[in-house]
Amino acid sequence: MTDIDSDTVDARIRASFARQGAMETLGAELTRISQGVVEIELAFDPKLTQQHGFLHAGVISAALDTACSYAAYTVIEPDASLLTIEFKVNLMSPGRGDRFLFRGEITKPGSNIIVADGRGYALTDGPAKLIASMTSTMMVIRGREGISG
C-alpha cells in the first residue's frame, strides 16, 4: 500500500465526502478513516425503506460502495482518483435497526485496480447484526479532466 500522510488522507476524504449529494441525502456520516478502512454510519429513516419497512437495498449498496471507495482512497496517491467499475452485494438479513454501519476494507491494493470488501451492519441495543456484504472493484484514475479527488 502507498505510504501517505494520514492527516492529508483524512482531510482529502472528508472534503470529498462533503461533496457527495447522495450521502448527504441519506443522512450518512463518515465515522472512521484509517489505512485501508473507512466506516460510514446512518440513522434509520422511514424515507430510506422499501415497502416492508426495511432499509432499501439501494441505500445499503450505495453506502457500501462509498465505504469501499473511500477505503481505496487511503491507499492511492493524492493526485489520483477512483471510479467503481464493478460490485457484488449479498443481502443477508433485513435492514432493520436504529442505526447502520457500513465498513469498507481493502482486500487487494494495486496501482490500477483495487479490490475492497464491505460489510453492512444493523445496530440496535444488542450486538451488531450483519445485513450485507460487498466485493467492489475500483479503477484508479490519473490525469483525466473533470475527475479528481
Protein backbone atom coordinates (compact mmCIF):
# COMPACT_ATOMS: atom_id res chain seq x y z
CA MET A 1 0.00 0.00 0.00
CA THR A 2 1.18 3.51 -0.69
CA ASP A 3 2.54 5.27 2.41
CA ILE A 4 0.60 8.53 2.55
CA ASP A 5 0.35 11.08 5.37
CA SER A 6 -2.76 10.15 7.37
CA ASP A 7 -3.76 13.79 8.03
CA THR A 8 -3.66 14.51 4.30
CA VAL A 9 -5.72 11.38 3.54
CA ASP A 10 -8.26 12.22 6.25
CA ALA A 11 -8.73 15.81 5.02
CA ARG A 12 -8.99 14.70 1.39
CA ILE A 13 -11.61 12.04 2.12
CA ARG A 14 -13.66 14.34 4.36
CA ALA A 15 -13.67 17.07 1.70
CA SER A 16 -14.69 14.60 -1.00
CA PHE A 17 -17.40 13.05 1.18
CA ALA A 18 -18.81 16.55 1.87
CA ARG A 19 -19.32 16.95 -1.91
CA GLN A 20 -21.40 13.76 -2.17
CA GLY A 21 -25.01 14.80 -2.55
CA ALA A 22 -26.16 11.18 -2.38
CA MET A 23 -24.61 10.60 1.05
CA GLU A 24 -25.98 13.93 2.29
CA THR A 25 -29.46 12.93 1.08
CA LEU A 26 -29.18 9.64 3.00
CA GLY A 27 -28.01 11.43 6.16
CA ALA A 28 -24.79 9.38 6.15
CA GLU A 29 -21.82 10.30 8.34
CA LEU A 30 -18.17 9.45 7.85
CA THR A 31 -17.18 7.97 11.22
CA ARG A 32 -13.79 6.28 10.69
CA ILE A 33 -10.85 6.75 8.35
CA SER A 34 -7.73 4.64 8.78
CA GLN A 35 -5.21 2.99 6.46
CA GLY A 36 -7.28 0.66 4.27
CA VAL A 37 -10.53 1.04 6.26
CA VAL A 38 -13.41 3.52 6.15
CA GLU A 39 -16.70 3.44 8.05
CA ILE A 40 -19.92 5.26 7.30
CA GLU A 41 -22.98 5.33 9.55
CA LEU A 42 -26.54 6.40 9.09
CA ALA A 43 -29.61 6.53 11.27
CA PHE A 44 -32.79 4.66 10.43
CA ASP A 45 -35.18 6.87 8.47
CA PRO A 46 -38.53 5.62 7.13
CA LYS A 47 -37.83 7.59 3.93
CA LEU A 48 -34.98 5.16 3.18
CA THR A 49 -37.05 1.98 3.39
CA GLN A 50 -38.67 -0.37 0.95
CA GLN A 51 -42.32 -1.47 1.15
CA HIS A 52 -41.81 -3.75 4.20
CA GLY A 53 -40.10 -1.06 6.27
CA PHE A 54 -36.55 -2.42 5.89
CA LEU A 55 -33.62 -0.29 4.78
CA HIS A 56 -33.73 -0.34 0.98
CA ALA A 57 -31.17 -2.48 -0.86
CA GLY A 58 -30.22 0.53 -2.98
CA VAL A 59 -29.36 2.52 0.15
CA ILE A 60 -27.32 -0.39 1.51
CA SER A 61 -25.49 -0.74 -1.82
CA ALA A 62 -24.77 2.98 -2.09
CA ALA A 63 -23.36 3.18 1.44
CA LEU A 64 -21.21 0.07 0.97
CA ASP A 65 -19.93 1.30 -2.40
CA THR A 66 -18.98 4.62 -0.83
CA ALA A 67 -17.25 2.99 2.15
CA CYS A 68 -15.26 0.69 -0.15
CA SER A 69 -14.29 3.56 -2.46
CA TYR A 70 -13.06 5.77 0.36
CA ALA A 71 -11.12 2.85 1.83
CA ALA A 72 -9.39 2.71 -1.56
CA TYR A 73 -8.65 6.44 -1.37
CA THR A 74 -6.49 5.69 1.68
CA VAL A 75 -4.06 3.67 -0.47
CA ILE A 76 -3.69 5.84 -3.60
CA GLU A 77 -1.55 8.88 -4.25
CA PRO A 78 -3.11 12.30 -3.53
CA ASP A 79 -3.43 13.35 -7.18
CA ALA A 80 -5.27 10.16 -8.25
CA SER A 81 -8.99 9.46 -8.12
CA LEU A 82 -11.22 6.39 -8.36
CA LEU A 83 -14.26 5.08 -10.16
CA THR A 84 -16.13 1.92 -9.20
CA ILE A 85 -16.13 -0.49 -12.13
CA GLU A 86 -17.93 -3.46 -10.56
CA PHE A 87 -19.51 -4.64 -7.34
CA LYS A 88 -21.48 -7.57 -5.99
CA VAL A 89 -23.78 -7.27 -2.99
CA ASN A 90 -25.12 -10.08 -0.86
CA LEU A 91 -28.13 -9.12 1.23
CA MET A 92 -28.05 -11.44 4.23
CA SER A 93 -30.68 -10.13 6.59
CA PRO A 94 -33.40 -7.47 6.53
CA GLY A 95 -32.12 -3.96 7.16
CA ARG A 96 -33.82 -3.44 10.49
CA GLY A 97 -32.10 -1.33 13.16
CA ASP A 98 -31.82 2.05 14.83
CA ARG A 99 -28.54 2.82 13.03
CA PHE A 100 -26.46 1.18 10.34
CA LEU A 101 -22.70 0.82 9.99
CA PHE A 102 -21.01 0.28 6.62
CA ARG A 103 -17.31 -0.69 6.65
CA GLY A 104 -15.10 -0.84 3.58
CA GLU A 105 -11.72 -2.60 3.78
CA ILE A 106 -9.02 -3.02 1.18
CA THR A 107 -8.57 -6.61 0.09
CA LYS A 108 -6.10 -6.10 -2.76
CA PRO A 109 -4.40 -2.75 -3.33
CA GLY A 110 -2.99 -2.07 -6.76
CA SER A 111 -1.62 0.68 -8.95
CA ASN A 112 -4.51 0.49 -11.46
CA ILE A 113 -7.17 -1.79 -9.95
CA ILE A 114 -8.13 -2.01 -6.26
CA VAL A 115 -10.43 -4.59 -4.68
CA ALA A 116 -12.27 -3.90 -1.43
CA ASP A 117 -14.73 -5.83 0.69
CA GLY A 118 -17.56 -4.18 2.55
CA ARG A 119 -19.83 -5.23 5.37
CA GLY A 120 -23.08 -3.62 6.46
CA TYR A 121 -24.39 -3.97 10.00
CA ALA A 122 -27.67 -3.10 11.69
CA LEU A 123 -27.12 -1.56 15.11
CA THR A 124 -29.63 -1.80 17.95
CA ASP A 125 -29.29 -2.28 21.72
CA GLY A 126 -27.86 -5.78 21.18
CA PRO A 127 -24.91 -6.99 19.16
CA ALA A 128 -24.40 -5.64 15.63
CA LYS A 129 -26.11 -7.80 13.01
CA LEU A 130 -24.51 -8.42 9.62
CA ILE A 131 -27.05 -7.48 6.97
CA ALA A 132 -24.97 -7.26 3.78
CA SER A 133 -21.58 -7.81 2.21
CA MET A 134 -19.99 -6.37 -0.91
CA THR A 135 -16.98 -7.05 -3.05
CA SER A 136 -16.05 -3.97 -5.04
CA THR A 137 -13.53 -3.27 -7.79
CA MET A 138 -12.28 0.25 -8.42
CA MET A 139 -10.18 1.71 -11.22
CA VAL A 140 -7.53 4.28 -10.32
CA ILE A 141 -7.88 7.42 -12.45
CA ARG A 142 -4.93 9.70 -13.16
CA GLY A 143 -4.79 12.83 -15.29
CA ARG A 144 -8.35 12.67 -16.59
CA GLU A 145 -10.02 16.05 -16.98
CA GLY A 146 -13.02 16.52 -14.73
CA ILE A 147 -12.20 13.61 -12.41
CA SER A 148 -10.19 14.46 -9.33
CA GLY A 149 -10.19 13.87 -5.58
